[in-house]
């Protein structure tokens, strides 16, 4: 199964940022931040003069708004909204678990689309194709449909037998 490193990287960046801001606020609240008094200015005079300009605050607000929109898009895509025929890791895992007795199973994927599920499976020529089809028909496809989508979704299963 494919690991979602993009989601993990995004969560790590957001978590690290929030952790560093929390540590900074805690240290400032306890007067332990480099022995500075709580009312001390941290930014140099030049940086403070740049922040007093109105365009810098507007550009900061615009960049934070764009960051919020990109984060919202990332969150919605992570939840699965707006995707068309995308691979489903849960369905693929259920397919492999259901067919764990079949030796030499090759590629397998479960894709979710508007028209239903598409399941693709590649098995070796030495496998009992009748048993695989029977198991898919009686147990596995129904479980995948209930878990991934709804029970009324149409499903197309493509079984490829290697030579």
Protein backbone atom coordinates (compact mmCIF):
# COMPACT_ATOMS: atom_id res chain seq x y z
CA UNK A 1 0.00 0.00 0.00
CA UNK A 2 1.14 3.53 -0.74
CA UNK A 3 2.11 5.61 2.23
CA UNK A 4 0.80 9.13 2.29
CA UNK A 5 4.05 10.99 2.94
CA UNK A 6 2.55 14.30 1.85
CA UNK A 7 0.02 14.17 4.65
CA UNK A 8 2.65 13.15 7.16
CA UNK A 9 4.99 15.91 6.02
CA UNK A 10 2.24 18.51 6.24
CA UNK A 11 1.24 17.35 9.69
CA UNK A 12 4.87 17.40 10.81
CA UNK A 13 5.38 20.97 9.56
CA UNK A 14 2.20 22.24 11.18
CA UNK A 15 2.93 20.35 14.39
CA UNK A 16 6.50 21.63 14.57
CA UNK A 17 5.36 25.21 14.00
CA UNK A 18 2.69 24.99 16.67
CA UNK A 19 5.11 23.33 19.08
CA UNK A 20 7.75 26.03 18.60
CA UNK A 21 5.17 28.80 19.05
CA UNK A 22 3.90 27.12 22.20
CA UNK A 23 7.40 26.79 23.65
CA UNK A 24 8.11 30.42 22.80
CA UNK A 25 4.90 31.60 24.49
CA UNK A 26 5.57 29.46 27.55
CA UNK A 27 9.14 30.73 27.89
CA UNK A 28 8.03 34.37 27.48
CA UNK A 29 5.26 33.86 30.03
CA UNK A 30 7.72 32.54 32.62
CA UNK A 31 10.35 35.22 31.92
CA UNK A 32 12.85 32.56 30.83
CA UNK A 33 13.46 33.60 27.21
CA UNK A 34 17.16 34.53 27.10
CA UNK A 35 16.79 36.51 30.34
CA UNK A 36 14.71 39.18 28.63
CA UNK A 37 12.07 41.05 30.61
CA UNK A 38 8.47 40.43 29.46
CA UNK A 39 8.21 43.93 27.95
CA UNK A 40 11.47 43.74 25.96
CA UNK A 41 11.40 44.14 22.20
CA UNK A 42 12.66 41.07 20.36
CA UNK A 43 12.81 42.48 16.83
CA UNK A 44 15.60 44.85 15.81
CA UNK A 45 14.75 48.49 15.13
CA UNK A 46 14.97 48.06 11.33
CA UNK A 47 12.53 45.15 11.35
CA UNK A 48 10.14 47.08 13.60
CA UNK A 49 10.19 50.04 11.18
CA UNK A 50 9.34 47.71 8.28
CA UNK A 51 6.42 46.26 10.24
CA UNK A 52 5.07 49.76 10.90
CA UNK A 53 4.50 50.20 7.16
CA UNK A 54 0.87 49.41 6.18
CA UNK A 55 1.77 47.34 3.08
CA UNK A 56 3.70 44.76 5.12
CA UNK A 57 0.72 43.93 7.28
CA UNK A 58 -1.54 43.69 4.23
CA UNK A 59 0.92 41.40 2.46
CA UNK A 60 1.21 39.30 5.62
CA UNK A 61 -2.59 39.06 5.81
CA UNK A 62 -2.78 38.09 2.12
CA UNK A 63 -0.10 35.41 2.48
CA UNK A 64 -1.80 33.98 5.57
CA UNK A 65 -5.13 33.91 3.71
CA UNK A 66 -3.50 32.03 0.81
CA UNK A 67 -1.91 29.64 3.29
CA UNK A 68 -5.32 29.05 4.90
CA UNK A 69 -6.92 28.32 1.52
CA UNK A 70 -4.16 25.90 0.54
CA UNK A 71 -4.49 24.20 3.93
CA UNK A 72 -8.25 23.92 3.50
CA UNK A 73 -7.80 22.37 0.05
CA UNK A 74 -5.25 19.91 1.44
CA UNK A 75 -7.61 18.99 4.28
CA UNK A 76 -10.58 18.45 1.96
CA UNK A 77 -8.51 16.29 -0.40
CA UNK A 78 -7.23 14.30 2.58
CA UNK A 79 -10.81 13.62 3.57
CA UNK A 80 -11.52 12.37 0.05
CA UNK A 81 -13.85 15.13 -1.17
CA UNK A 82 -13.69 15.96 -4.83
CA UNK A 83 -11.68 12.93 -5.87
CA UNK A 84 -12.61 10.94 -8.92
CA UNK A 85 -11.44 7.38 -9.36
CA UNK A 86 -8.71 7.56 -6.82
CA UNK A 87 -6.96 4.60 -5.26
CA UNK A 88 -8.39 3.49 -1.95
CA UNK A 89 -5.86 2.03 0.47
CA UNK A 90 -8.49 0.55 2.78
CA UNK A 91 -10.11 -1.36 -0.05
CA UNK A 92 -6.77 -2.57 -1.36
CA UNK A 93 -5.77 -3.77 2.08
CA UNK A 94 -9.09 -5.59 2.47
CA UNK A 95 -8.56 -7.21 -0.94
CA UNK A 96 -5.11 -8.49 0.02
CA UNK A 97 -6.35 -9.75 3.40
CA UNK A 98 -9.27 -11.55 1.78
CA UNK A 99 -6.97 -13.24 -0.73
CA UNK A 100 -4.09 -13.97 1.62
CA UNK A 101 -4.16 -17.71 0.75
CA UNK A 102 -3.44 -17.04 -2.94
CA UNK A 103 0.28 -17.36 -3.58
CA UNK A 104 2.06 -14.96 -5.91
CA UNK A 105 -0.61 -12.30 -6.06
CA UNK A 106 0.67 -9.45 -8.17
CA UNK A 107 -0.94 -6.08 -8.59
CA UNK A 108 -4.17 -5.30 -6.86
CA UNK A 109 -6.01 -2.03 -6.60
CA UNK A 110 -9.36 -0.63 -5.60
CA UNK A 111 -10.44 2.65 -7.17
CA UNK A 112 -13.46 4.72 -6.21
CA UNK A 113 -15.32 6.66 -8.88
CA UNK A 114 -18.68 8.28 -9.50
CA UNK A 115 -19.94 5.16 -11.23
CA UNK A 116 -18.85 2.83 -8.43
CA UNK A 117 -15.84 0.74 -7.58
CA UNK A 118 -13.21 -0.65 -9.91
CA UNK A 119 -11.21 -3.57 -8.58
CA UNK A 120 -8.19 -4.85 -10.46
CA UNK A 121 -6.33 -8.02 -9.56
CA UNK A 122 -3.44 -9.91 -11.13
CA UNK A 123 -2.82 -13.50 -10.09
CA UNK A 124 -0.45 -16.20 -11.34
CA UNK A 125 -1.52 -18.96 -13.71
CA UNK A 126 -0.96 -21.53 -10.98
CA UNK A 127 -3.72 -20.02 -8.83
CA UNK A 128 -7.17 -21.60 -8.70
CA UNK A 129 -9.06 -18.93 -10.66
CA UNK A 130 -12.45 -20.44 -9.82
CA UNK A 131 -11.74 -20.25 -6.10
CA UNK A 132 -10.48 -16.68 -6.42
CA UNK A 133 -13.57 -15.59 -8.36
CA UNK A 134 -15.86 -17.40 -5.91
CA UNK A 135 -14.22 -15.77 -2.93
CA UNK A 136 -14.37 -12.36 -4.60
CA UNK A 137 -18.05 -12.84 -5.48
CA UNK A 138 -19.20 -14.23 -2.14
CA UNK A 139 -17.17 -12.34 0.45
CA UNK A 140 -14.61 -9.78 -0.53
CA UNK A 141 -16.40 -7.47 -2.98
CA UNK A 142 -19.37 -7.00 -0.66
CA UNK A 143 -17.13 -6.15 2.28
CA UNK A 144 -15.14 -3.67 0.24
CA UNK A 145 -18.33 -2.01 -1.05
CA UNK A 146 -19.73 -1.64 2.47
CA UNK A 147 -16.48 -0.28 3.84
CA UNK A 148 -15.44 2.05 1.04
CA UNK A 149 -18.69 3.29 -0.41
CA UNK A 150 -22.24 2.01 -0.04
CA UNK A 151 -23.73 -1.40 -0.65
CA UNK A 152 -25.62 -0.31 -3.79
CA UNK A 153 -22.54 0.91 -5.65
CA UNK A 154 -21.81 -0.81 -8.91
CA UNK A 155 -18.57 -2.74 -8.99
CA UNK A 156 -16.39 -3.85 -11.88
CA UNK A 157 -13.78 -6.51 -11.11
CA UNK A 158 -10.97 -7.08 -13.59
CA UNK A 159 -9.05 -10.29 -13.05
CA UNK A 160 -5.85 -10.76 -15.02
CA UNK A 161 -4.14 -14.15 -15.03
CA UNK A 162 -0.41 -14.09 -15.80
CA UNK A 163 1.04 -16.75 -18.04
